[in-house]
Amino acid sequence: EGRALSRFIAARGELQGTQVIATGASITDADRQSLLQQGFHNTLAKPFTVQQLATLVEESLAVMA
């Protein structure tokens, strides 16, 4: 479960700053806002392309650097 993983990462000091991307079959604007409030750093609705995923990963890595 992604929400449990997000909480686990947030609770672990050595993992602070780790970016978590939620994926789902149909993510509405309300879902996105809820997921961001729950600790996710971004969302990606399925189906997605490899390029879309790569872009989000690159953005996440830039934030962590």
PDB file of N, CA and C in Angstrom:
ATOM      1  N   GLU A   1       0.858  -1.186   0.000  1.00  0.00           N
ATOM      2  CA  GLU A   1       0.000   0.000   0.000  1.00  0.00           C
ATOM      3  C   GLU A   1       0.892   1.232   0.000  1.00  0.00           C
ATOM      4  N   GLY A   2       0.671   2.079  -0.964  1.00  0.00           N
ATOM      5  CA  GLY A   2       1.490   3.278  -1.117  1.00  0.00           C
ATOM      6  C   GLY A   2       1.397   4.250   0.036  1.00  0.00           C
ATOM      7  N   ARG A   3       0.210   4.382   0.616  1.00  0.00           N
ATOM      8  CA  ARG A   3       0.055   5.325   1.729  1.00  0.00           C
ATOM      9  C   ARG A   3       0.878   4.884   2.933  1.00  0.00           C
ATOM     10  N   ALA A   4       0.880   3.596   3.209  1.00  0.00           N
ATOM     11  CA  ALA A   4       1.677   3.075   4.329  1.00  0.00           C
ATOM     12  C   ALA A   4       3.165   3.296   4.059  1.00  0.00           C
ATOM     13  N   LEU A   5       3.593   3.079   2.838  1.00  0.00           N
ATOM     14  CA  LEU A   5       4.989   3.302   2.488  1.00  0.00           C
ATOM     15  C   LEU A   5       5.355   4.774   2.648  1.00  0.00           C
ATOM     16  N   SER A   6       4.484   5.660   2.207  1.00  0.00           N
ATOM     17  CA  SER A   6       4.734   7.090   2.339  1.00  0.00           C
ATOM     18  C   SER A   6       4.885   7.484   3.808  1.00  0.00           C
ATOM     19  N   ARG A   7       4.021   6.951   4.673  1.00  0.00           N
ATOM     20  CA  ARG A   7       4.111   7.238   6.116  1.00  0.00           C
ATOM     21  C   ARG A   7       5.406   6.676   6.696  1.00  0.00           C
ATOM     22  N   PHE A   8       5.778   5.475   6.285  1.00  0.00           N
ATOM     23  CA  PHE A   8       7.009   4.850   6.764  1.00  0.00           C
ATOM     24  C   PHE A   8       8.218   5.708   6.399  1.00  0.00           C
ATOM     25  N   ILE A   9       8.282   6.148   5.161  1.00  0.00           N
ATOM     26  CA  ILE A   9       9.400   6.974   4.705  1.00  0.00           C
ATOM     27  C   ILE A   9       9.446   8.285   5.482  1.00  0.00           C
ATOM     28  N   ALA A  10       8.294   8.904   5.683  1.00  0.00           N
ATOM     29  CA  ALA A  10       8.242  10.171   6.409  1.00  0.00           C
ATOM     30  C   ALA A  10       8.700  10.015   7.856  1.00  0.00           C
ATOM     31  N   ALA A  11       8.460   8.853   8.442  1.00  0.00           N
ATOM     32  CA  ALA A  11       8.801   8.625   9.847  1.00  0.00           C
ATOM     33  C   ALA A  11      10.275   8.283  10.052  1.00  0.00           C
ATOM     34  N   ARG A  12      10.967   7.897   9.013  1.00  0.00           N
ATOM     35  CA  ARG A  12      12.368   7.485   9.129  1.00  0.00           C
ATOM     36  C   ARG A  12      13.280   8.663   8.821  1.00  0.00           C
ATOM     37  N   GLY A  13      14.028   9.091   9.796  1.00  0.00           N
ATOM     38  CA  GLY A  13      14.909  10.240   9.632  1.00  0.00           C
ATOM     39  C   GLY A  13      15.877  10.111   8.474  1.00  0.00           C
ATOM     40  N   GLU A  14      16.461   8.922   8.318  1.00  0.00           N
ATOM     41  CA  GLU A  14      17.450   8.747   7.259  1.00  0.00           C
ATOM     42  C   GLU A  14      16.831   8.760   5.863  1.00  0.00           C
ATOM     43  N   LEU A  15      15.520   8.677   5.789  1.00  0.00           N
ATOM     44  CA  LEU A  15      14.833   8.702   4.493  1.00  0.00           C
ATOM     45  C   LEU A  15      14.186  10.055   4.198  1.00  0.00           C
ATOM     46  N   GLN A  16      14.354  11.018   5.109  1.00  0.00           N
ATOM     47  CA  GLN A  16      13.776  12.338   4.894  1.00  0.00           C
ATOM     48  C   GLN A  16      14.258  12.887   3.555  1.00  0.00           C
ATOM     49  N   GLY A  17      13.363  13.477   2.818  1.00  0.00           N
ATOM     50  CA  GLY A  17      13.685  14.028   1.510  1.00  0.00           C
ATOM     51  C   GLY A  17      13.432  13.069   0.359  1.00  0.00           C
ATOM     52  N   THR A  18      13.152  11.796   0.680  1.00  0.00           N
ATOM     53  CA  THR A  18      12.842  10.831  -0.372  1.00  0.00           C
ATOM     54  C   THR A  18      11.524  11.222  -1.030  1.00  0.00           C
ATOM     55  N   GLN A  19      11.527  11.323  -2.325  1.00  0.00           N
ATOM     56  CA  GLN A  19      10.342  11.703  -3.073  1.00  0.00           C
ATOM     57  C   GLN A  19       9.510  10.462  -3.386  1.00  0.00           C
ATOM     58  N   VAL A  20       8.198  10.555  -3.158  1.00  0.00           N
ATOM     59  CA  VAL A  20       7.295   9.433  -3.395  1.00  0.00           C
ATOM     60  C   VAL A  20       6.254   9.861  -4.427  1.00  0.00           C
ATOM     61  N   ILE A  21       6.125   9.076  -5.489  1.00  0.00           N
ATOM     62  CA  ILE A  21       5.172   9.359  -6.558  1.00  0.00           C
ATOM     63  C   ILE A  21       4.049   8.332  -6.490  1.00  0.00           C
ATOM     64  N   ALA A  22       2.810   8.809  -6.378  1.00  0.00           N
ATOM     65  CA  ALA A  22       1.646   7.924  -6.362  1.00  0.00           C
ATOM     66  C   ALA A  22       1.169   7.700  -7.792  1.00  0.00           C
ATOM     67  N   THR A  23       0.839   6.456  -8.110  1.00  0.00           N
ATOM     68  CA  THR A  23       0.247   6.151  -9.406  1.00  0.00           C
ATOM     69  C   THR A  23      -1.120   5.528  -9.179  1.00  0.00           C
ATOM     70  N   GLY A  24      -2.010   5.739 -10.133  1.00  0.00           N
ATOM     71  CA  GLY A  24      -3.342   5.175 -10.012  1.00  0.00           C
ATOM     72  C   GLY A  24      -4.057   5.202 -11.342  1.00  0.00           C
ATOM     73  N   ALA A  25      -5.087   4.377 -11.443  1.00  0.00           N
ATOM     74  CA  ALA A  25      -5.823   4.251 -12.701  1.00  0.00           C
ATOM     75  C   ALA A  25      -6.578   5.522 -13.064  1.00  0.00           C
ATOM     76  N   SER A  26      -7.117   6.181 -12.089  1.00  0.00           N
ATOM     77  CA  SER A  26      -7.846   7.423 -12.377  1.00  0.00           C
ATOM     78  C   SER A  26      -7.668   8.358 -11.191  1.00  0.00           C
ATOM     79  N   ILE A  27      -6.797   9.323 -11.353  1.00  0.00           N
ATOM     80  CA  ILE A  27      -6.507  10.272 -10.283  1.00  0.00           C
ATOM     81  C   ILE A  27      -7.171  11.597 -10.637  1.00  0.00           C
ATOM     82  N   THR A  28      -8.185  11.951  -9.870  1.00  0.00           N
ATOM     83  CA  THR A  28      -8.874  13.223 -10.070  1.00  0.00           C
ATOM     84  C   THR A  28      -8.082  14.330  -9.380  1.00  0.00           C
ATOM     85  N   ASP A  29      -8.483  15.575  -9.616  1.00  0.00           N
ATOM     86  CA  ASP A  29      -7.838  16.694  -8.927  1.00  0.00           C
ATOM     87  C   ASP A  29      -7.989  16.556  -7.415  1.00  0.00           C
ATOM     88  N   ALA A  30      -9.165  16.116  -6.973  1.00  0.00           N
ATOM     89  CA  ALA A  30      -9.396  15.920  -5.535  1.00  0.00           C
ATOM     90  C   ALA A  30      -8.500  14.804  -4.998  1.00  0.00           C
ATOM     91  N   ASP A  31      -8.364  13.716  -5.759  1.00  0.00           N
ATOM     92  CA  ASP A  31      -7.464  12.626  -5.364  1.00  0.00           C
ATOM     93  C   ASP A  31      -6.034  13.137  -5.245  1.00  0.00           C
ATOM     94  N   ARG A  32      -5.621  13.906  -6.236  1.00  0.00           N
ATOM     95  CA  ARG A  32      -4.254  14.444  -6.244  1.00  0.00           C
ATOM     96  C   ARG A  32      -4.006  15.285  -5.001  1.00  0.00           C
ATOM     97  N   GLN A  33      -4.925  16.180  -4.691  1.00  0.00           N
ATOM     98  CA  GLN A  33      -4.763  17.027  -3.506  1.00  0.00           C
ATOM     99  C   GLN A  33      -4.691  16.191  -2.239  1.00  0.00           C
ATOM    100  N   SER A  34      -5.534  15.188  -2.147  1.00  0.00           N
ATOM    101  CA  SER A  34      -5.533  14.308  -0.980  1.00  0.00           C
ATOM    102  C   SER A  34      -4.207  13.559  -0.866  1.00  0.00           C
ATOM    103  N   LEU A  35      -3.717  13.033  -1.966  1.00  0.00           N
ATOM    104  CA  LEU A  35      -2.449  12.299  -1.958  1.00  0.00           C
ATOM    105  C   LEU A  35      -1.286  13.207  -1.579  1.00  0.00           C
ATOM    106  N   LEU A  36      -1.282  14.426  -2.084  1.00  0.00           N
ATOM    107  CA  LEU A  36      -0.222  15.367  -1.730  1.00  0.00           C
ATOM    108  C   LEU A  36      -0.269  15.695  -0.243  1.00  0.00           C
ATOM    109  N   GLN A  37      -1.471  15.843   0.307  1.00  0.00           N
ATOM    110  CA  GLN A  37      -1.619  16.113   1.739  1.00  0.00           C
ATOM    111  C   GLN A  37      -1.181  14.917   2.581  1.00  0.00           C
ATOM    112  N   GLN A  38      -1.265  13.730   2.030  1.00  0.00           N
ATOM    113  CA  GLN A  38      -0.876  12.515   2.746  1.00  0.00           C
ATOM    114  C   GLN A  38       0.627  12.249   2.678  1.00  0.00           C
ATOM    115  N   GLY A  39       1.351  13.094   1.978  1.00  0.00           N
ATOM    116  CA  GLY A  39       2.800  12.952   1.958  1.00  0.00           C
ATOM    117  C   GLY A  39       3.426  12.562   0.636  1.00  0.00           C
ATOM    118  N   PHE A  40       2.604  12.297  -0.370  1.00  0.00           N
ATOM    119  CA  PHE A  40       3.164  12.015  -1.686  1.00  0.00           C
ATOM    120  C   PHE A  40       3.673  13.325  -2.281  1.00  0.00           C
ATOM    121  N   HIS A  41       4.684  13.235  -3.117  1.00  0.00           N
ATOM    122  CA  HIS A  41       5.280  14.429  -3.694  1.00  0.00           C
ATOM    123  C   HIS A  41       4.775  14.727  -5.096  1.00  0.00           C
ATOM    124  N   ASN A  42       4.191  13.728  -5.724  1.00  0.00           N
ATOM    125  CA  ASN A  42       3.630  13.913  -7.054  1.00  0.00           C
ATOM    126  C   ASN A  42       2.727  12.733  -7.360  1.00  0.00           C
ATOM    127  N   THR A  43       1.959  12.850  -8.435  1.00  0.00           N
ATOM    128  CA  THR A  43       1.064  11.772  -8.855  1.00  0.00           C
ATOM    129  C   THR A  43       1.226  11.552 -10.356  1.00  0.00           C
ATOM    130  N   LEU A  44       0.884  10.347 -10.775  1.00  0.00           N
ATOM    131  CA  LEU A  44       0.945   9.998 -12.188  1.00  0.00           C
ATOM    132  C   LEU A  44      -0.198   9.040 -12.479  1.00  0.00           C
ATOM    133  N   ALA A  45      -1.111   9.480 -13.349  1.00  0.00           N
ATOM    134  CA  ALA A  45      -2.282   8.659 -13.671  1.00  0.00           C
ATOM    135  C   ALA A  45      -1.922   7.607 -14.715  1.00  0.00           C
ATOM    136  N   LYS A  46      -2.443   6.414 -14.520  1.00  0.00           N
ATOM    137  CA  LYS A  46      -2.273   5.326 -15.489  1.00  0.00           C
ATOM    138  C   LYS A  46      -3.321   5.469 -16.579  1.00  0.00           C
ATOM    139  N   PRO A  47      -3.065   5.096 -17.781  1.00  0.00           N
ATOM    140  CA  PRO A  47      -1.769   4.638 -18.276  1.00  0.00           C
ATOM    141  C   PRO A  47      -0.834   5.833 -18.470  1.00  0.00           C
ATOM    142  N   PHE A  48       0.441   5.617 -18.255  1.00  0.00           N
ATOM    143  CA  PHE A  48       1.428   6.664 -18.482  1.00  0.00           C
ATOM    144  C   PHE A  48       2.543   6.108 -19.359  1.00  0.00           C
ATOM    145  N   THR A  49       3.255   7.021 -19.982  1.00  0.00           N
ATOM    146  CA  THR A  49       4.354   6.608 -20.852  1.00  0.00           C
ATOM    147  C   THR A  49       5.651   6.549 -20.047  1.00  0.00           C
ATOM    148  N   VAL A  50       6.613   5.862 -20.599  1.00  0.00           N
ATOM    149  CA  VAL A  50       7.931   5.807 -19.971  1.00  0.00           C
ATOM    150  C   VAL A  50       8.494   7.220 -19.869  1.00  0.00           C
ATOM    151  N   GLN A  51       8.254   8.035 -20.880  1.00  0.00           N
ATOM    152  CA  GLN A  51       8.759   9.410 -20.868  1.00  0.00           C
ATOM    153  C   GLN A  51       8.132  10.216 -19.734  1.00  0.00           C
ATOM    154  N   GLN A  52       6.832  10.058 -19.506  1.00  0.00           N
ATOM    155  CA  GLN A  52       6.185  10.774 -18.405  1.00  0.00           C
ATOM    156  C   GLN A  52       6.785  10.354 -17.063  1.00  0.00           C
ATOM    157  N   LEU A  53       6.985   9.062 -16.880  1.00  0.00           N
ATOM    158  CA  LEU A  53       7.586   8.564 -15.644  1.00  0.00           C
ATOM    159  C   LEU A  53       9.019   9.076 -15.499  1.00  0.00           C
ATOM    160  N   ALA A  54       9.775   9.012 -16.574  1.00  0.00           N
ATOM    161  CA  ALA A  54      11.165   9.472 -16.530  1.00  0.00           C
ATOM    162  C   ALA A  54      11.246  10.950 -16.169  1.00  0.00           C
ATOM    163  N   THR A  55      10.343  11.745 -16.709  1.00  0.00           N
ATOM    164  CA  THR A  55      10.320  13.173 -16.396  1.00  0.00           C
ATOM    165  C   THR A  55      10.063  13.402 -14.914  1.00  0.00           C
ATOM    166  N   LEU A  56       9.083  12.692 -14.350  1.00  0.00           N
ATOM    167  CA  LEU A  56       8.794  12.845 -12.920  1.00  0.00           C
ATOM    168  C   LEU A  56       9.960  12.378 -12.058  1.00  0.00           C
ATOM    169  N   VAL A  57      10.599  11.295 -12.442  1.00  0.00           N
ATOM    170  CA  VAL A  57      11.755  10.808 -11.680  1.00  0.00           C
ATOM    171  C   VAL A  57      12.887  11.833 -11.743  1.00  0.00           C
ATOM    172  N   GLU A  58      13.147  12.386 -12.916  1.00  0.00           N
ATOM    173  CA  GLU A  58      14.188  13.409 -13.057  1.00  0.00           C
ATOM    174  C   GLU A  58      13.872  14.623 -12.196  1.00  0.00           C
ATOM    175  N   GLU A  59      12.613  15.061 -12.199  1.00  0.00           N
ATOM    176  CA  GLU A  59      12.209  16.197 -11.370  1.00  0.00           C
ATOM    177  C   GLU A  59      12.394  15.874  -9.892  1.00  0.00           C
ATOM    178  N   SER A  60      12.043  14.667  -9.500  1.00  0.00           N
ATOM    179  CA  SER A  60      12.182  14.255  -8.104  1.00  0.00           C
ATOM    180  C   SER A  60      13.647  14.209  -7.686  1.00  0.00           C
ATOM    181  N   LEU A  61      14.493  13.694  -8.547  1.00  0.00           N
ATOM    182  CA  LEU A  61      15.921  13.639  -8.238  1.00  0.00           C
ATOM    183  C   LEU A  61      16.516  15.034  -8.121  1.00  0.00           C
ATOM    184  N   ALA A  62      16.045  15.961  -8.943  1.00  0.00           N
ATOM    185  CA  ALA A  62      16.531  17.340  -8.875  1.00  0.00           C
ATOM    186  C   ALA A  62      16.162  17.977  -7.539  1.00  0.00           C
ATOM    187  N   VAL A  63      14.970  17.674  -7.034  1.00  0.00           N
ATOM    188  CA  VAL A  63      14.532  18.212  -5.744  1.00  0.00           C
ATOM    189  C   VAL A  63      15.393  17.650  -4.628  1.00  0.00           C
ATOM    190  N   MET A  64      15.763  16.386  -4.741  1.00  0.00           N
ATOM    191  CA  MET A  64      16.546  15.723  -3.697  1.00  0.00           C
ATOM    192  C   MET A  64      18.004  16.174  -3.685  1.00  0.00           C
ATOM    193  N   ALA A  65      18.494  16.664  -4.818  1.00  0.00           N
ATOM    194  CA  ALA A  65      19.921  17.030  -4.924  1.00  0.00           C
ATOM    195  C   ALA A  65      20.249  18.280  -4.140  1.00  0.00           C
TER     196      ALA A  65
END
